[in-house]
N, C-alpha and C. Protein backbone atom coordinates (compact mmCIF):
# COMPACT_ATOMS: atom_id res chain seq x y z
N MET A 1 122.54 -65.42 -135.09
CA MET A 1 121.96 -66.01 -136.26
C MET A 1 123.08 -66.33 -137.24
N VAL A 2 122.98 -67.47 -137.90
CA VAL A 2 123.92 -67.83 -138.95
C VAL A 2 123.14 -68.04 -140.21
N ASP A 3 123.52 -67.36 -141.29
CA ASP A 3 122.89 -67.49 -142.60
C ASP A 3 123.88 -68.17 -143.52
N VAL A 4 123.55 -69.37 -143.98
CA VAL A 4 124.47 -70.11 -144.83
C VAL A 4 124.47 -69.56 -146.25
N GLY A 5 123.39 -68.98 -146.72
CA GLY A 5 123.36 -68.38 -148.04
C GLY A 5 123.29 -69.41 -149.15
N ASN A 6 123.92 -69.10 -150.28
CA ASN A 6 123.84 -69.95 -151.46
C ASN A 6 124.85 -71.08 -151.48
N SER A 7 125.85 -71.02 -150.65
CA SER A 7 126.93 -72.00 -150.68
C SER A 7 126.95 -72.80 -149.38
N PRO A 8 127.18 -74.10 -149.46
CA PRO A 8 127.30 -74.88 -148.22
C PRO A 8 128.63 -74.64 -147.51
N TYR A 9 129.53 -73.87 -148.13
CA TYR A 9 130.87 -73.65 -147.59
C TYR A 9 131.07 -72.28 -146.96
N THR A 10 130.09 -71.37 -147.09
CA THR A 10 130.21 -70.04 -146.52
C THR A 10 128.93 -69.66 -145.78
N GLY A 11 129.05 -68.67 -144.89
CA GLY A 11 127.88 -68.21 -144.16
C GLY A 11 128.19 -66.90 -143.45
N THR A 12 127.15 -66.33 -142.85
CA THR A 12 127.26 -65.08 -142.12
C THR A 12 126.66 -65.27 -140.74
N ALA A 13 127.40 -64.86 -139.72
CA ALA A 13 126.88 -64.86 -138.35
C ALA A 13 126.74 -63.41 -137.92
N GLU A 14 125.58 -63.08 -137.36
CA GLU A 14 125.40 -61.72 -136.87
C GLU A 14 124.50 -61.75 -135.65
N GLY A 15 124.70 -60.77 -134.79
CA GLY A 15 123.90 -60.72 -133.58
C GLY A 15 124.14 -59.45 -132.81
N GLU A 16 123.49 -59.38 -131.65
CA GLU A 16 123.56 -58.18 -130.83
C GLU A 16 123.48 -58.60 -129.36
N VAL A 17 124.30 -57.96 -128.53
CA VAL A 17 124.28 -58.18 -127.08
C VAL A 17 123.96 -56.85 -126.42
N CYS A 18 123.00 -56.86 -125.50
CA CYS A 18 122.59 -55.64 -124.80
C CYS A 18 123.14 -55.64 -123.38
N PHE A 19 123.63 -54.48 -122.95
CA PHE A 19 124.20 -54.29 -121.62
C PHE A 19 123.42 -53.22 -120.87
N LEU A 20 123.65 -53.13 -119.57
CA LEU A 20 123.07 -52.05 -118.77
C LEU A 20 123.56 -50.70 -119.30
N GLY A 21 122.79 -49.67 -119.08
CA GLY A 21 123.17 -48.33 -119.53
C GLY A 21 122.83 -48.09 -120.98
N ASN A 22 121.93 -48.92 -121.54
CA ASN A 22 121.48 -48.75 -122.93
C ASN A 22 122.64 -48.93 -123.93
N ILE A 23 123.59 -49.81 -123.60
CA ILE A 23 124.74 -50.10 -124.46
C ILE A 23 124.46 -51.38 -125.23
N ARG A 24 124.76 -51.36 -126.53
CA ARG A 24 124.57 -52.53 -127.39
C ARG A 24 125.85 -52.81 -128.17
N LEU A 25 126.19 -54.08 -128.28
CA LEU A 25 127.30 -54.53 -129.12
C LEU A 25 126.71 -55.30 -130.28
N ARG A 26 126.96 -54.83 -131.49
CA ARG A 26 126.50 -55.51 -132.70
C ARG A 26 127.70 -56.15 -133.38
N MET A 27 127.53 -57.38 -133.86
CA MET A 27 128.62 -58.07 -134.52
C MET A 27 128.14 -58.75 -135.80
N ARG A 28 129.11 -58.89 -136.73
CA ARG A 28 128.85 -59.58 -137.99
C ARG A 28 130.15 -60.25 -138.42
N GLU A 29 130.06 -61.53 -138.77
CA GLU A 29 131.22 -62.28 -139.23
C GLU A 29 130.86 -63.06 -140.49
N GLU A 30 131.74 -63.04 -141.45
CA GLU A 30 131.59 -63.87 -142.65
C GLU A 30 132.49 -65.08 -142.48
N LEU A 31 131.91 -66.26 -142.68
CA LEU A 31 132.58 -67.52 -142.35
C LEU A 31 132.83 -68.36 -143.59
N ASP A 32 133.97 -69.02 -143.61
CA ASP A 32 134.30 -70.01 -144.64
C ASP A 32 134.40 -71.35 -143.91
N PHE A 33 133.34 -72.16 -144.00
CA PHE A 33 133.29 -73.41 -143.27
C PHE A 33 134.31 -74.42 -143.80
N ASP A 34 134.53 -74.42 -145.10
CA ASP A 34 135.47 -75.37 -145.70
C ASP A 34 136.89 -75.14 -145.18
N ALA A 35 137.30 -73.87 -145.08
CA ALA A 35 138.64 -73.53 -144.60
C ALA A 35 138.68 -73.33 -143.07
N ALA A 36 137.51 -73.37 -142.42
CA ALA A 36 137.39 -73.14 -140.97
C ALA A 36 137.98 -71.78 -140.58
N LEU A 37 137.57 -70.73 -141.34
CA LEU A 37 138.10 -69.38 -141.12
C LEU A 37 136.98 -68.36 -141.01
N ILE A 38 137.24 -67.31 -140.23
CA ILE A 38 136.42 -66.09 -140.28
C ILE A 38 137.10 -65.22 -141.34
N THR A 39 136.42 -64.99 -142.46
CA THR A 39 137.05 -64.26 -143.57
C THR A 39 136.88 -62.75 -143.45
N SER A 40 135.89 -62.32 -142.67
CA SER A 40 135.66 -60.89 -142.48
C SER A 40 134.84 -60.72 -141.20
N TYR A 41 135.04 -59.59 -140.52
CA TYR A 41 134.26 -59.36 -139.31
C TYR A 41 134.14 -57.87 -139.03
N GLY A 42 133.16 -57.51 -138.25
CA GLY A 42 132.99 -56.14 -137.83
C GLY A 42 132.17 -56.08 -136.55
N TYR A 43 132.49 -55.10 -135.71
CA TYR A 43 131.79 -54.90 -134.45
C TYR A 43 131.47 -53.42 -134.31
N GLU A 44 130.30 -53.12 -133.76
CA GLU A 44 129.89 -51.75 -133.52
C GLU A 44 129.33 -51.66 -132.09
N VAL A 45 129.61 -50.54 -131.42
CA VAL A 45 129.10 -50.31 -130.07
C VAL A 45 128.21 -49.07 -130.09
N TYR A 46 127.03 -49.18 -129.49
CA TYR A 46 126.07 -48.08 -129.46
C TYR A 46 125.64 -47.79 -128.04
N ARG A 47 125.37 -46.51 -127.76
CA ARG A 47 124.64 -46.09 -126.57
C ARG A 47 123.36 -45.45 -127.10
N GLY A 48 122.25 -46.12 -126.90
CA GLY A 48 121.01 -45.68 -127.53
C GLY A 48 121.18 -45.80 -129.04
N ASN A 49 120.94 -44.70 -129.76
CA ASN A 49 121.12 -44.69 -131.21
C ASN A 49 122.47 -44.12 -131.64
N GLU A 50 123.30 -43.71 -130.68
CA GLU A 50 124.59 -43.11 -130.99
C GLU A 50 125.66 -44.19 -131.13
N LYS A 51 126.32 -44.22 -132.28
CA LYS A 51 127.41 -45.17 -132.49
C LYS A 51 128.65 -44.65 -131.76
N LEU A 52 129.19 -45.46 -130.85
CA LEU A 52 130.34 -45.05 -130.05
C LEU A 52 131.64 -45.54 -130.64
N SER A 53 131.62 -46.70 -131.27
CA SER A 53 132.88 -47.30 -131.73
C SER A 53 132.61 -48.21 -132.91
N LEU A 54 133.58 -48.31 -133.78
CA LEU A 54 133.56 -49.24 -134.90
C LEU A 54 134.91 -49.93 -134.90
N ILE A 55 134.90 -51.25 -134.77
CA ILE A 55 136.14 -52.00 -134.69
C ILE A 55 136.28 -52.87 -135.93
């Protein structure tokens, strides 16, 4: 999903990918469309409800 928000020049992309073994990868990126940059990002890995990693 991409949320453009209040500005036509910025937005947020976030989503989740599910793998076998009840593993999930969650991601979030803040985007600057005018500069064509990812200004901030974060990724989290879960097994069930347990957070395994934060990158």
